[in-house]
Amino acid sequence: MASQGTRQSVNIYTLLTTGDNWEFQGPDGTVSVKVQQRMRSNGGDTCCTAGLCHMGIVLQPSFLVYVSRSGGCSLRP
């Protein structure tokens, strides 16, 4: 994401242990990306709602991810 110069809105779940550094597993191992947030919240529901409302990318534990019954959208871990 960062290496391609792409900018996306990010919603940070504040109880995530990595904080502003999001870690991803790639073919060459773990990649850490420092993100700048649009929104910070310690509420998983708030972050999911923001994601469903197209307010940005959300990274949070899978147990907080849910299927929206109203819009039929799903968020994947």
C-alpha atoms as a PDB file:
ATOM      1  CA  MET A   1       0.000   0.000   0.000  1.00  0.00           C
ATOM      2  CA  ALA A   2       2.545   2.613   1.070  1.00  0.00           C
ATOM      3  CA  SER A   3       5.159   1.483  -1.442  1.00  0.00           C
ATOM      4  CA  GLN A   4       2.695   2.165  -4.274  1.00  0.00           C
ATOM      5  CA  GLY A   5       2.056   5.699  -3.069  1.00  0.00           C
ATOM      6  CA  THR A   6      -1.619   5.001  -2.411  1.00  0.00           C
ATOM      7  CA  ARG A   7      -3.404   7.112   0.207  1.00  0.00           C
ATOM      8  CA  GLN A   8      -6.483   5.728   1.904  1.00  0.00           C
ATOM      9  CA  SER A   9      -8.538   6.965   4.831  1.00  0.00           C
ATOM     10  CA  VAL A  10      -7.820   4.865   7.903  1.00  0.00           C
ATOM     11  CA  ASN A  11      -9.929   4.300  11.007  1.00  0.00           C
ATOM     12  CA  ILE A  12      -7.809   3.132  13.934  1.00  0.00           C
ATOM     13  CA  TYR A  13      -9.131   0.760  16.579  1.00  0.00           C
ATOM     14  CA  THR A  14      -7.189   2.134  19.551  1.00  0.00           C
ATOM     15  CA  LEU A  15      -7.041  -1.159  21.471  1.00  0.00           C
ATOM     16  CA  LEU A  16      -5.028  -2.790  18.647  1.00  0.00           C
ATOM     17  CA  THR A  17      -1.613  -3.627  20.099  1.00  0.00           C
ATOM     18  CA  THR A  18       0.280  -2.361  17.038  1.00  0.00           C
ATOM     19  CA  GLY A  19      -1.251   1.133  17.286  1.00  0.00           C
ATOM     20  CA  ASP A  20      -0.424   3.304  14.263  1.00  0.00           C
ATOM     21  CA  ASN A  21       1.799   0.584  12.755  1.00  0.00           C
ATOM     22  CA  TRP A  22      -0.256  -1.994  10.909  1.00  0.00           C
ATOM     23  CA  GLU A  23       1.436  -5.321  10.212  1.00  0.00           C
ATOM     24  CA  PHE A  24       0.725  -7.554   7.232  1.00  0.00           C
ATOM     25  CA  GLN A  25       2.135 -10.914   6.189  1.00  0.00           C
ATOM     26  CA  GLY A  26       3.620 -10.802   2.703  1.00  0.00           C
ATOM     27  CA  PRO A  27       5.633 -13.250   0.586  1.00  0.00           C
ATOM     28  CA  ASP A  28       8.857 -11.824   2.049  1.00  0.00           C
ATOM     29  CA  GLY A  29       7.621 -11.869   5.661  1.00  0.00           C
ATOM     30  CA  THR A  30       6.018  -9.276   7.882  1.00  0.00           C
ATOM     31  CA  VAL A  31       5.569  -5.758   6.524  1.00  0.00           C
ATOM     32  CA  SER A  32       4.843  -2.875   8.903  1.00  0.00           C
ATOM     33  CA  VAL A  33       3.068   0.226   7.586  1.00  0.00           C
ATOM     34  CA  LYS A  34       2.752   3.423   9.617  1.00  0.00           C
ATOM     35  CA  VAL A  35      -0.734   4.841   9.050  1.00  0.00           C
ATOM     36  CA  GLN A  36      -2.288   8.234   9.658  1.00  0.00           C
ATOM     37  CA  GLN A  37      -5.827   8.045  10.895  1.00  0.00           C
ATOM     38  CA  ARG A  38      -8.985   9.769   9.835  1.00  0.00           C
ATOM     39  CA  MET A  39     -10.663   8.577  13.021  1.00  0.00           C
ATOM     40  CA  ARG A  40      -9.658   6.856  16.271  1.00  0.00           C
ATOM     41  CA  SER A  41     -12.042   4.812  18.381  1.00  0.00           C
ATOM     42  CA  ASN A  42     -11.855   2.248  21.153  1.00  0.00           C
ATOM     43  CA  GLY A  43     -15.265   0.934  20.039  1.00  0.00           C
ATOM     44  CA  GLY A  44     -15.239  -1.920  17.539  1.00  0.00           C
ATOM     45  CA  ASP A  45     -18.823  -1.194  16.495  1.00  0.00           C
ATOM     46  CA  THR A  46     -17.887   2.401  15.707  1.00  0.00           C
ATOM     47  CA  CYS A  47     -14.991   1.296  13.501  1.00  0.00           C
ATOM     48  CA  CYS A  48     -17.178  -1.275  11.687  1.00  0.00           C
ATOM     49  CA  THR A  49     -19.871   1.329  11.060  1.00  0.00           C
ATOM     50  CA  ALA A  50     -17.297   3.773   9.709  1.00  0.00           C
ATOM     51  CA  GLY A  51     -15.987   1.096   7.348  1.00  0.00           C
ATOM     52  CA  LEU A  52     -19.485   0.232   6.135  1.00  0.00           C
ATOM     53  CA  CYS A  53     -20.140   3.933   5.520  1.00  0.00           C
ATOM     54  CA  HIS A  54     -17.077   4.095   3.234  1.00  0.00           C
ATOM     55  CA  MET A  55     -15.196   6.294   5.702  1.00  0.00           C
ATOM     56  CA  GLY A  56     -11.971   4.324   5.426  1.00  0.00           C
ATOM     57  CA  ILE A  57     -10.086   1.111   5.998  1.00  0.00           C
ATOM     58  CA  VAL A  58     -10.439  -0.618   9.368  1.00  0.00           C
ATOM     59  CA  LEU A  59      -8.033  -3.117  10.936  1.00  0.00           C
ATOM     60  CA  GLN A  60      -9.293  -4.763  14.115  1.00  0.00           C
ATOM     61  CA  PRO A  61      -9.615  -8.222  15.709  1.00  0.00           C
ATOM     62  CA  SER A  62     -11.834 -10.648  13.807  1.00  0.00           C
ATOM     63  CA  PHE A  63     -14.258 -11.083  16.716  1.00  0.00           C
ATOM     64  CA  LEU A  64     -15.263  -7.426  16.236  1.00  0.00           C
ATOM     65  CA  VAL A  65     -16.048  -7.832  12.543  1.00  0.00           C
ATOM     66  CA  TYR A  66     -19.689  -8.476  11.734  1.00  0.00           C
ATOM     67  CA  VAL A  67     -22.221  -8.656   8.934  1.00  0.00           C
ATOM     68  CA  SER A  68     -24.437  -5.611   8.555  1.00  0.00           C
ATOM     69  CA  ARG A  69     -28.047  -6.797   8.483  1.00  0.00           C
ATOM     70  CA  SER A  70     -29.345  -3.449   7.254  1.00  0.00           C
ATOM     71  CA  GLY A  71     -27.160  -3.063   4.183  1.00  0.00           C
ATOM     72  CA  GLY A  72     -26.250  -6.683   3.493  1.00  0.00           C
ATOM     73  CA  CYS A  73     -22.562  -5.772   3.446  1.00  0.00           C
ATOM     74  CA  SER A  74     -19.969  -7.932   5.084  1.00  0.00           C
ATOM     75  CA  LEU A  75     -16.551  -7.083   6.427  1.00  0.00           C
ATOM     76  CA  ARG A  76     -13.887  -9.760   6.201  1.00  0.00           C
ATOM     77  CA  PRO A  77     -11.076 -10.463   8.649  1.00  0.00           C
END
